[in-house]
């Protein structure tokens, strides 16, 4: 179990990341930061998630003067294109059709900063995810739930119908949810 003399803060609006930290039995407070999550032209996905997590850290450090701060970002990558959060239902449908029957990559990065020591750890993890072939009706049924609208790639592998789209994964399941728990946990131990 993690024991820290400093308070721990998760700077994320993601309910999934909050749930993952609770799963680790880590006491923390959470708040959100608003940052530009756009991937830059010619930016590799691993570079993008590390940069976006670091950009969020810059904003989070303005709010926390004493503690351990955690930020993170997740992107879905298919054929040299980033699939971010959908703009609307049509965009979500288009993304899910693209993912259907294919393998894509999920990149999640986290940034952990100790305000007292000044130490920062930034790392990313990649997981390959293969979808089975999807039909239009099940995509539309999923869209009716509203679940795809706040998720990169327009699906969630956890706690909703999006889980049945996934045929297999190669890598860390929790990375697809939004935080690679094993790697993250050991990084947090190193920074405390």
Protein backbone atom coordinates (compact mmCIF):
# COMPACT_ATOMS: atom_id res chain seq x y z
CA UNK A 1 0.00 0.00 0.00
CA UNK A 2 1.17 3.54 -0.77
CA UNK A 3 1.86 5.69 2.27
CA UNK A 4 2.71 9.30 1.63
CA UNK A 5 3.36 12.09 4.08
CA UNK A 6 2.24 14.45 1.31
CA UNK A 7 -1.34 14.67 0.06
CA UNK A 8 -1.91 13.08 -3.36
CA UNK A 9 -3.84 14.93 -6.07
CA UNK A 10 -5.24 13.55 -9.30
CA UNK A 11 -5.65 16.36 -11.83
CA UNK A 12 -8.14 14.62 -14.11
CA UNK A 13 -11.83 14.81 -14.88
CA UNK A 14 -11.85 11.13 -15.90
CA UNK A 15 -14.11 9.05 -13.64
CA UNK A 16 -12.22 5.98 -14.86
CA UNK A 17 -8.88 7.27 -13.55
CA UNK A 18 -10.47 8.17 -10.21
CA UNK A 19 -11.83 4.62 -10.00
CA UNK A 20 -8.43 3.12 -10.83
CA UNK A 21 -6.73 5.08 -8.04
CA UNK A 22 -9.45 3.95 -5.63
CA UNK A 23 -8.76 0.38 -6.78
CA UNK A 24 -5.16 0.84 -5.60
CA UNK A 25 -6.50 2.02 -2.22
CA UNK A 26 -4.65 5.32 -2.59
CA UNK A 27 -6.14 8.24 -0.65
CA UNK A 28 -6.33 11.23 -2.99
CA UNK A 29 -8.19 14.39 -3.86
CA UNK A 30 -9.14 15.20 -7.42
CA UNK A 31 -9.69 18.29 -9.51
CA UNK A 32 -9.68 18.91 -13.23
CA UNK A 33 -7.55 21.05 -15.47
CA UNK A 34 -8.59 22.26 -18.89
CA UNK A 35 -5.84 21.88 -21.45
CA UNK A 36 -5.54 21.56 -25.20
CA UNK A 37 -5.46 17.84 -25.97
CA UNK A 38 -4.91 18.18 -29.70
CA UNK A 39 -2.13 16.17 -31.28
CA UNK A 40 0.23 18.31 -33.34
CA UNK A 41 0.98 17.69 -36.98
CA UNK A 42 3.66 14.99 -37.46
CA UNK A 43 3.73 14.27 -33.72
CA UNK A 44 4.16 10.59 -32.84
CA UNK A 45 1.45 9.22 -30.51
CA UNK A 46 3.89 8.48 -27.68
CA UNK A 47 5.26 12.02 -27.94
CA UNK A 48 1.74 13.45 -27.95
CA UNK A 49 0.50 11.65 -24.81
CA UNK A 50 3.68 12.52 -22.90
CA UNK A 51 3.41 16.18 -23.95
CA UNK A 52 -0.29 16.45 -23.13
CA UNK A 53 0.21 14.85 -19.68
CA UNK A 54 3.11 17.29 -19.09
CA UNK A 55 0.98 20.26 -20.24
CA UNK A 56 -1.69 19.22 -17.75
CA UNK A 57 0.99 19.05 -15.06
CA UNK A 58 2.00 22.67 -15.72
CA UNK A 59 -1.60 23.72 -15.08
CA UNK A 60 -2.02 21.42 -12.06
CA UNK A 61 1.14 22.72 -10.39
CA UNK A 62 -0.45 26.19 -10.34
CA UNK A 63 -3.19 24.79 -8.08
CA UNK A 64 -1.12 22.58 -5.76
CA UNK A 65 1.79 23.92 -3.75
CA UNK A 66 2.38 20.94 -1.46
CA UNK A 67 1.79 17.36 -2.55
CA UNK A 68 2.12 14.61 -5.12
CA UNK A 69 0.36 15.54 -8.37
CA UNK A 70 -0.77 13.07 -11.02
CA UNK A 71 -1.84 13.90 -14.57
CA UNK A 72 -2.51 11.56 -17.48
CA UNK A 73 -3.70 11.32 -21.06
CA UNK A 74 -4.87 8.52 -23.35
CA UNK A 75 -5.09 8.43 -27.13
CA UNK A 76 -6.27 5.85 -29.63
CA UNK A 77 -4.14 5.46 -32.75
CA UNK A 78 -5.11 3.73 -36.00
CA UNK A 79 -3.17 3.83 -39.27
CA UNK A 80 -1.10 6.89 -38.40
CA UNK A 81 -4.18 8.82 -37.23
CA UNK A 82 -5.25 9.75 -33.74
CA UNK A 83 -8.85 9.03 -32.83
CA UNK A 84 -9.70 11.48 -30.07
CA UNK A 85 -13.00 12.01 -28.30
CA UNK A 86 -15.85 12.19 -30.83
CA UNK A 87 -17.34 15.57 -31.70
CA UNK A 88 -20.84 14.13 -32.09
CA UNK A 89 -22.66 10.84 -32.69
CA UNK A 90 -21.81 10.81 -36.41
CA UNK A 91 -18.13 11.17 -35.56
CA UNK A 92 -18.41 8.37 -32.97
CA UNK A 93 -20.11 6.10 -35.53
CA UNK A 94 -17.36 6.83 -38.08
CA UNK A 95 -14.63 6.00 -35.53
CA UNK A 96 -16.22 2.72 -34.49
CA UNK A 97 -16.65 1.69 -38.13
CA UNK A 98 -12.94 2.38 -38.70
CA UNK A 99 -11.97 0.29 -35.67
CA UNK A 100 -14.26 -2.59 -36.68
CA UNK A 101 -12.33 -5.79 -37.46
CA UNK A 102 -8.95 -4.12 -37.01
CA UNK A 103 -6.11 -3.68 -34.54
CA UNK A 104 -5.34 -0.25 -33.11
CA UNK A 105 -3.00 1.06 -30.44
CA UNK A 106 -3.91 2.77 -27.18
CA UNK A 107 -1.25 5.01 -25.66
CA UNK A 108 -1.60 6.25 -22.09
CA UNK A 109 0.90 8.52 -20.39
CA UNK A 110 1.10 9.70 -16.83
CA UNK A 111 3.11 12.43 -15.20
CA UNK A 112 3.76 12.35 -11.45
CA UNK A 113 5.35 15.30 -9.64
CA UNK A 114 6.53 15.67 -6.04
CA UNK A 115 6.35 19.36 -5.11
CA UNK A 116 8.74 18.95 -2.18
CA UNK A 117 11.59 17.19 -3.99
CA UNK A 118 10.90 18.65 -7.44
CA UNK A 119 11.16 15.14 -8.91
CA UNK A 120 8.94 14.28 -11.89
CA UNK A 121 8.35 10.95 -13.60
CA UNK A 122 6.72 10.83 -17.05
CA UNK A 123 6.14 7.52 -18.82
CA UNK A 124 3.83 6.01 -21.41
CA UNK A 125 2.54 2.53 -22.17
CA UNK A 126 1.20 1.13 -25.46
CA UNK A 127 -1.42 -1.61 -25.78
CA UNK A 128 -2.66 -3.23 -29.00
CA UNK A 129 -6.43 -3.71 -29.14
CA UNK A 130 -8.21 -5.80 -31.78
CA UNK A 131 -11.91 -5.26 -32.47
CA UNK A 132 -14.15 -7.94 -33.90
CA UNK A 133 -16.26 -7.00 -36.94
CA UNK A 134 -19.11 -4.70 -35.83
CA UNK A 135 -22.48 -4.25 -37.50
CA UNK A 136 -24.21 -0.89 -37.82
CA UNK A 137 -27.08 -1.83 -35.50
CA UNK A 138 -24.86 -2.63 -32.52
CA UNK A 139 -22.84 0.55 -33.10
CA UNK A 140 -26.08 2.57 -33.12
CA UNK A 141 -27.29 0.79 -29.96
CA UNK A 142 -24.02 1.71 -28.27
CA UNK A 143 -24.33 5.33 -29.39
CA UNK A 144 -27.78 5.51 -27.74
CA UNK A 145 -26.15 4.87 -24.36
CA UNK A 146 -24.13 8.11 -24.66
CA UNK A 147 -21.07 6.26 -23.37
CA UNK A 148 -18.82 6.77 -26.43
CA UNK A 149 -18.97 10.56 -26.28
CA UNK A 150 -16.32 11.17 -23.57
CA UNK A 151 -13.84 8.50 -24.61
CA UNK A 152 -10.89 8.49 -26.98
CA UNK A 153 -11.74 6.28 -29.95
CA UNK A 154 -15.45 6.44 -28.97
CA UNK A 155 -15.42 3.30 -26.81
CA UNK A 156 -14.80 2.11 -23.28
CA UNK A 157 -13.35 -1.32 -22.61
CA UNK A 158 -14.65 -1.23 -19.04
CA UNK A 159 -18.11 -1.18 -17.48
CA UNK A 160 -20.16 -0.77 -20.62
CA UNK A 161 -21.21 -2.35 -23.90
CA UNK A 162 -17.98 -1.24 -25.61
CA UNK A 163 -16.26 -4.18 -23.92
CA UNK A 164 -17.97 -6.66 -26.26
CA UNK A 165 -16.37 -4.99 -29.30
CA UNK A 166 -12.90 -6.09 -28.19
CA UNK A 167 -11.77 -9.45 -29.50
CA UNK A 168 -8.34 -9.38 -27.83
CA UNK A 169 -5.66 -7.14 -26.36
CA UNK A 170 -1.90 -7.39 -26.31
CA UNK A 171 -0.56 -5.44 -23.37
CA UNK A 172 -1.96 -3.81 -20.25
CA UNK A 173 -5.77 -3.84 -19.96
CA UNK A 174 -5.73 -0.93 -17.50
CA UNK A 175 -3.76 1.13 -20.00
CA UNK A 176 -6.81 0.95 -22.29
CA UNK A 177 -9.01 2.08 -19.40
CA UNK A 178 -6.74 5.12 -18.93
CA UNK A 179 -3.88 4.36 -16.54
CA UNK A 180 -1.40 1.44 -16.75
CA UNK A 181 -1.77 0.45 -13.10
CA UNK A 182 1.30 -1.72 -12.54
CA UNK A 183 3.77 0.71 -14.14
CA UNK A 184 2.02 3.69 -12.58
CA UNK A 185 2.05 2.13 -9.08
CA UNK A 186 5.79 1.48 -9.20
CA UNK A 187 6.47 4.99 -10.53
CA UNK A 188 4.45 6.43 -7.64
CA UNK A 189 6.50 4.40 -5.16
CA UNK A 190 9.69 5.84 -6.69
CA UNK A 191 8.49 9.43 -6.39
CA UNK A 192 7.22 9.31 -2.82
